[in-house]
Amino acid sequence: MIKVTFNTADGEQIVAEGTGGSMMELALENNVPGIDGDCGGVCSCATCHVHIAQNDFAKVGEPNEIEKDMLELTDDVSGTSRLCCQVPLSEDIDGISVTVVRD
């Protein structure tokens, strides 16, 4: 099982575990506030915007050009911003911590 800790805008920590899919799907399955996934995971909205913890960012890597373009259209972008629909669950990200940007 791959474990991801979601830090919500109200200070709650939701620890979710899954075996596949995307980080966004995991968030939706666990009712994480602020992760809406309106586009269904095709990188055409920013309703799954998260900030990856600085020490975990290397685990997920940089966003691709399409994701970068989408992030430019949203607020609160940081150097560790990612759309979690574009982050696949894998052993590489086990234990990662993210902060949900929307509430």
N, C-alpha and C. Protein backbone atom coordinates (compact mmCIF):
# COMPACT_ATOMS: atom_id res chain seq x y z
N MET A 1 0.84 -1.19 0.00
CA MET A 1 0.00 0.00 0.00
C MET A 1 0.88 1.25 0.00
N ILE A 2 0.45 2.22 -0.77
CA ILE A 2 1.16 3.50 -0.86
C ILE A 2 0.42 4.49 0.03
N LYS A 3 1.15 5.15 0.92
CA LYS A 3 0.57 6.07 1.89
C LYS A 3 0.87 7.51 1.47
N VAL A 4 -0.18 8.35 1.49
CA VAL A 4 -0.05 9.78 1.21
C VAL A 4 -0.75 10.53 2.33
N THR A 5 -0.08 11.56 2.86
CA THR A 5 -0.69 12.42 3.87
C THR A 5 -1.13 13.70 3.21
N PHE A 6 -2.43 13.99 3.30
CA PHE A 6 -3.02 15.21 2.77
C PHE A 6 -3.25 16.16 3.93
N ASN A 7 -2.65 17.35 3.87
CA ASN A 7 -2.83 18.40 4.86
C ASN A 7 -3.85 19.39 4.30
N THR A 8 -5.00 19.51 4.96
CA THR A 8 -6.08 20.34 4.44
C THR A 8 -5.95 21.78 4.92
N ALA A 9 -6.75 22.65 4.31
CA ALA A 9 -6.71 24.07 4.64
C ALA A 9 -7.10 24.34 6.09
N ASP A 10 -7.92 23.46 6.68
CA ASP A 10 -8.34 23.66 8.07
C ASP A 10 -7.43 22.97 9.08
N GLY A 11 -6.27 22.49 8.61
CA GLY A 11 -5.28 21.91 9.51
C GLY A 11 -5.43 20.42 9.77
N GLU A 12 -6.42 19.81 9.14
CA GLU A 12 -6.62 18.37 9.31
C GLU A 12 -5.58 17.60 8.50
N GLN A 13 -5.15 16.49 9.01
CA GLN A 13 -4.27 15.58 8.27
C GLN A 13 -5.06 14.32 7.96
N ILE A 14 -5.13 13.98 6.68
CA ILE A 14 -5.81 12.76 6.25
C ILE A 14 -4.75 11.85 5.65
N VAL A 15 -4.54 10.71 6.28
CA VAL A 15 -3.59 9.73 5.78
C VAL A 15 -4.39 8.71 4.98
N ALA A 16 -4.07 8.62 3.69
CA ALA A 16 -4.80 7.72 2.79
C ALA A 16 -3.83 6.70 2.22
N GLU A 17 -4.34 5.50 1.96
CA GLU A 17 -3.53 4.44 1.39
C GLU A 17 -4.22 3.85 0.17
N GLY A 18 -3.42 3.54 -0.83
CA GLY A 18 -3.95 2.94 -2.05
C GLY A 18 -2.90 2.11 -2.75
N THR A 19 -3.32 1.46 -3.81
CA THR A 19 -2.39 0.59 -4.54
C THR A 19 -2.18 1.01 -5.98
N GLY A 20 -3.02 1.89 -6.52
CA GLY A 20 -2.85 2.29 -7.91
C GLY A 20 -3.69 3.49 -8.23
N GLY A 21 -3.63 3.93 -9.47
CA GLY A 21 -4.35 5.12 -9.90
C GLY A 21 -3.50 6.36 -9.67
N SER A 22 -4.17 7.48 -9.48
CA SER A 22 -3.46 8.74 -9.27
C SER A 22 -3.67 9.22 -7.84
N MET A 23 -2.86 10.18 -7.45
CA MET A 23 -3.01 10.79 -6.14
C MET A 23 -4.38 11.46 -6.02
N MET A 24 -4.89 12.01 -7.11
CA MET A 24 -6.21 12.64 -7.09
C MET A 24 -7.29 11.61 -6.81
N GLU A 25 -7.20 10.46 -7.46
CA GLU A 25 -8.19 9.41 -7.23
C GLU A 25 -8.18 8.96 -5.77
N LEU A 26 -6.99 8.85 -5.20
CA LEU A 26 -6.86 8.48 -3.80
C LEU A 26 -7.53 9.53 -2.91
N ALA A 27 -7.31 10.80 -3.22
CA ALA A 27 -7.92 11.89 -2.45
C ALA A 27 -9.45 11.83 -2.54
N LEU A 28 -9.97 11.61 -3.73
CA LEU A 28 -11.42 11.54 -3.90
C LEU A 28 -12.01 10.35 -3.15
N GLU A 29 -11.33 9.21 -3.21
CA GLU A 29 -11.80 8.01 -2.50
C GLU A 29 -11.85 8.23 -0.99
N ASN A 30 -11.02 9.15 -0.50
CA ASN A 30 -10.94 9.42 0.93
C ASN A 30 -11.57 10.75 1.33
N ASN A 31 -12.35 11.33 0.43
CA ASN A 31 -13.10 12.57 0.70
C ASN A 31 -12.23 13.69 1.26
N VAL A 32 -11.07 13.90 0.64
CA VAL A 32 -10.18 14.96 1.08
C VAL A 32 -10.77 16.31 0.65
N PRO A 33 -11.09 17.19 1.62
CA PRO A 33 -11.64 18.50 1.27
C PRO A 33 -10.66 19.31 0.42
N GLY A 34 -11.19 19.95 -0.62
CA GLY A 34 -10.36 20.79 -1.48
C GLY A 34 -9.86 20.09 -2.73
N ILE A 35 -10.01 18.78 -2.80
CA ILE A 35 -9.66 18.05 -4.02
C ILE A 35 -10.98 17.68 -4.69
N ASP A 36 -11.27 18.36 -5.81
CA ASP A 36 -12.54 18.14 -6.50
C ASP A 36 -12.39 17.25 -7.73
N GLY A 37 -11.29 17.40 -8.45
CA GLY A 37 -11.08 16.58 -9.64
C GLY A 37 -12.16 16.78 -10.69
N ASP A 38 -12.57 18.02 -10.90
CA ASP A 38 -13.68 18.31 -11.81
C ASP A 38 -13.49 17.76 -13.22
N CYS A 39 -12.26 17.70 -13.71
CA CYS A 39 -12.04 17.25 -15.09
C CYS A 39 -11.85 15.74 -15.18
N GLY A 40 -11.88 15.07 -14.04
CA GLY A 40 -11.73 13.62 -14.05
C GLY A 40 -10.31 13.14 -14.21
N GLY A 41 -9.36 14.04 -14.11
CA GLY A 41 -7.97 13.63 -14.15
C GLY A 41 -7.28 13.79 -15.48
N VAL A 42 -7.84 14.60 -16.36
CA VAL A 42 -7.23 14.78 -17.68
C VAL A 42 -6.43 16.08 -17.81
N CYS A 43 -6.13 16.70 -16.69
CA CYS A 43 -5.28 17.90 -16.65
C CYS A 43 -5.88 19.07 -17.42
N SER A 44 -7.19 19.26 -17.23
CA SER A 44 -7.82 20.41 -17.88
C SER A 44 -8.50 21.35 -16.89
N CYS A 45 -8.17 21.20 -15.62
CA CYS A 45 -8.61 22.14 -14.59
C CYS A 45 -7.52 22.14 -13.51
N ALA A 46 -7.75 22.85 -12.45
CA ALA A 46 -6.75 22.86 -11.38
C ALA A 46 -7.42 22.60 -10.04
N THR A 47 -8.48 21.79 -10.06
CA THR A 47 -9.23 21.53 -8.83
C THR A 47 -8.62 20.40 -8.00
N CYS A 48 -7.39 20.06 -8.33
CA CYS A 48 -6.64 19.07 -7.52
C CYS A 48 -5.23 19.58 -7.25
N HIS A 49 -5.09 20.90 -7.17
CA HIS A 49 -3.81 21.55 -6.95
C HIS A 49 -3.32 21.30 -5.53
N VAL A 50 -2.09 20.83 -5.43
CA VAL A 50 -1.45 20.61 -4.13
C VAL A 50 -0.04 21.18 -4.15
N HIS A 51 0.47 21.45 -2.97
CA HIS A 51 1.88 21.78 -2.80
C HIS A 51 2.53 20.53 -2.20
N ILE A 52 3.53 20.03 -2.86
CA ILE A 52 4.27 18.88 -2.37
C ILE A 52 5.25 19.37 -1.32
N ALA A 53 5.40 18.64 -0.23
CA ALA A 53 6.40 19.02 0.77
C ALA A 53 7.76 19.11 0.09
N GLN A 54 8.52 20.13 0.43
CA GLN A 54 9.81 20.39 -0.22
C GLN A 54 10.70 19.14 -0.24
N ASN A 55 10.77 18.45 0.88
CA ASN A 55 11.65 17.28 0.95
C ASN A 55 11.11 16.07 0.19
N ASP A 56 9.87 16.15 -0.30
CA ASP A 56 9.28 15.06 -1.09
C ASP A 56 9.20 15.38 -2.58
N PHE A 57 9.52 16.62 -2.96
CA PHE A 57 9.29 17.02 -4.35
C PHE A 57 10.08 16.19 -5.35
N ALA A 58 11.28 15.80 -5.02
CA ALA A 58 12.09 14.99 -5.94
C ALA A 58 11.42 13.65 -6.24
N LYS A 59 10.58 13.17 -5.33
CA LYS A 59 9.89 11.90 -5.54
C LYS A 59 8.88 11.99 -6.68
N VAL A 60 8.26 13.15 -6.85
CA VAL A 60 7.24 13.31 -7.90
C VAL A 60 7.80 13.96 -9.16
N GLY A 61 8.84 14.75 -9.01
CA GLY A 61 9.45 15.41 -10.16
C GLY A 61 8.67 16.62 -10.65
N GLU A 62 9.22 17.23 -11.66
CA GLU A 62 8.65 18.44 -12.24
C GLU A 62 7.40 18.13 -13.06
N PRO A 63 6.45 19.08 -13.12
CA PRO A 63 5.29 18.89 -13.99
C PRO A 63 5.69 18.98 -15.47
N ASN A 64 4.92 18.31 -16.32
CA ASN A 64 5.17 18.43 -17.76
C ASN A 64 4.62 19.77 -18.26
N GLU A 65 4.81 20.07 -19.52
CA GLU A 65 4.42 21.38 -20.07
C GLU A 65 2.92 21.63 -19.99
N ILE A 66 2.11 20.63 -20.24
CA ILE A 66 0.65 20.80 -20.17
C ILE A 66 0.23 21.14 -18.74
N GLU A 67 0.80 20.43 -17.78
CA GLU A 67 0.49 20.70 -16.38
C GLU A 67 0.98 22.09 -15.97
N LYS A 68 2.17 22.48 -16.41
CA LYS A 68 2.68 23.82 -16.12
C LYS A 68 1.74 24.89 -16.65
N ASP A 69 1.24 24.69 -17.87
CA ASP A 69 0.30 25.66 -18.45
C ASP A 69 -0.96 25.78 -17.61
N MET A 70 -1.47 24.66 -17.13
CA MET A 70 -2.68 24.68 -16.30
C MET A 70 -2.40 25.35 -14.96
N LEU A 71 -1.25 25.08 -14.38
CA LEU A 71 -0.90 25.70 -13.10
C LEU A 71 -0.78 27.22 -13.21
N GLU A 72 -0.38 27.72 -14.38
CA GLU A 72 -0.27 29.16 -14.58
C GLU A 72 -1.62 29.86 -14.45
N LEU A 73 -2.70 29.11 -14.61
CA LEU A 73 -4.04 29.69 -14.57
C LEU A 73 -4.67 29.67 -13.18
N THR A 74 -3.95 29.18 -12.20
CA THR A 74 -4.50 29.06 -10.86
C THR A 74 -3.76 29.96 -9.87
N ASP A 75 -4.34 30.11 -8.70
CA ASP A 75 -3.74 30.93 -7.64
C ASP A 75 -2.81 30.09 -6.78
N ASP A 76 -2.00 30.75 -6.01
CA ASP A 76 -1.15 30.12 -5.00
C ASP A 76 -0.17 29.08 -5.55
N VAL A 77 0.33 29.33 -6.74
CA VAL A 77 1.31 28.42 -7.32
C VAL A 77 2.64 28.62 -6.61
N SER A 78 3.30 27.52 -6.31
CA SER A 78 4.62 27.57 -5.68
C SER A 78 5.58 26.72 -6.49
N GLY A 79 6.82 26.71 -6.08
CA GLY A 79 7.83 25.90 -6.75
C GLY A 79 7.61 24.41 -6.58
N THR A 80 6.71 24.04 -5.66
CA THR A 80 6.42 22.62 -5.45
C THR A 80 4.96 22.28 -5.79
N SER A 81 4.33 23.13 -6.60
CA SER A 81 2.96 22.88 -7.02
C SER A 81 2.88 21.73 -8.00
N ARG A 82 1.85 20.92 -7.83
CA ARG A 82 1.52 19.85 -8.79
C ARG A 82 0.01 19.70 -8.82
N LEU A 83 -0.49 19.22 -9.93
CA LEU A 83 -1.87 18.77 -10.01
C LEU A 83 -1.84 17.29 -9.67
N CYS A 84 -2.51 16.91 -8.60
CA CYS A 84 -2.33 15.54 -8.13
C CYS A 84 -2.95 14.51 -9.06
N CYS A 85 -3.73 14.94 -10.05
CA CYS A 85 -4.22 13.99 -11.07
C CYS A 85 -3.08 13.51 -11.95
N GLN A 86 -1.98 14.23 -11.94
CA GLN A 86 -0.84 13.90 -12.79
C GLN A 86 0.26 13.16 -12.02
N VAL A 87 -0.01 12.81 -10.78
CA VAL A 87 0.96 12.10 -9.96
C VAL A 87 0.45 10.67 -9.74
N PRO A 88 1.04 9.70 -10.42
CA PRO A 88 0.58 8.32 -10.23
C PRO A 88 1.02 7.77 -8.88
N LEU A 89 0.15 6.94 -8.30
CA LEU A 89 0.55 6.25 -7.07
C LEU A 89 1.56 5.18 -7.44
N SER A 90 2.68 5.23 -6.77
CA SER A 90 3.72 4.23 -6.98
C SER A 90 4.54 4.14 -5.71
N GLU A 91 5.31 3.09 -5.60
CA GLU A 91 6.18 2.93 -4.42
C GLU A 91 7.13 4.11 -4.27
N ASP A 92 7.44 4.80 -5.38
CA ASP A 92 8.35 5.94 -5.35
C ASP A 92 7.84 7.08 -4.47
N ILE A 93 6.51 7.20 -4.35
CA ILE A 93 5.95 8.32 -3.58
C ILE A 93 5.41 7.90 -2.22
N ASP A 94 5.61 6.65 -1.85
CA ASP A 94 5.11 6.17 -0.56
C ASP A 94 5.62 7.06 0.57
N GLY A 95 4.70 7.52 1.42
CA GLY A 95 5.06 8.35 2.57
C GLY A 95 5.05 9.85 2.29
N ILE A 96 4.69 10.25 1.08
CA ILE A 96 4.72 11.65 0.68
C ILE A 96 3.69 12.48 1.46
N SER A 97 3.99 13.75 1.64
CA SER A 97 3.09 14.68 2.30
C SER A 97 2.79 15.84 1.35
N VAL A 98 1.50 16.18 1.24
CA VAL A 98 1.08 17.27 0.37
C VAL A 98 0.11 18.19 1.12
N THR A 99 0.08 19.45 0.71
CA THR A 99 -0.85 20.41 1.26
C THR A 99 -1.86 20.78 0.18
N VAL A 100 -3.13 20.61 0.51
CA VAL A 100 -4.21 20.94 -0.42
C VAL A 100 -4.33 22.45 -0.49
N VAL A 101 -4.35 22.99 -1.71
CA VAL A 101 -4.36 24.43 -1.88
C VAL A 101 -5.77 24.99 -1.73
N ARG A 102 -6.76 24.30 -2.24
CA ARG A 102 -8.15 24.76 -2.17
C ARG A 102 -8.81 24.23 -0.92
N ASP A 103 -9.84 24.95 -0.48
CA ASP A 103 -10.63 24.41 0.64
C ASP A 103 -12.10 24.40 0.31
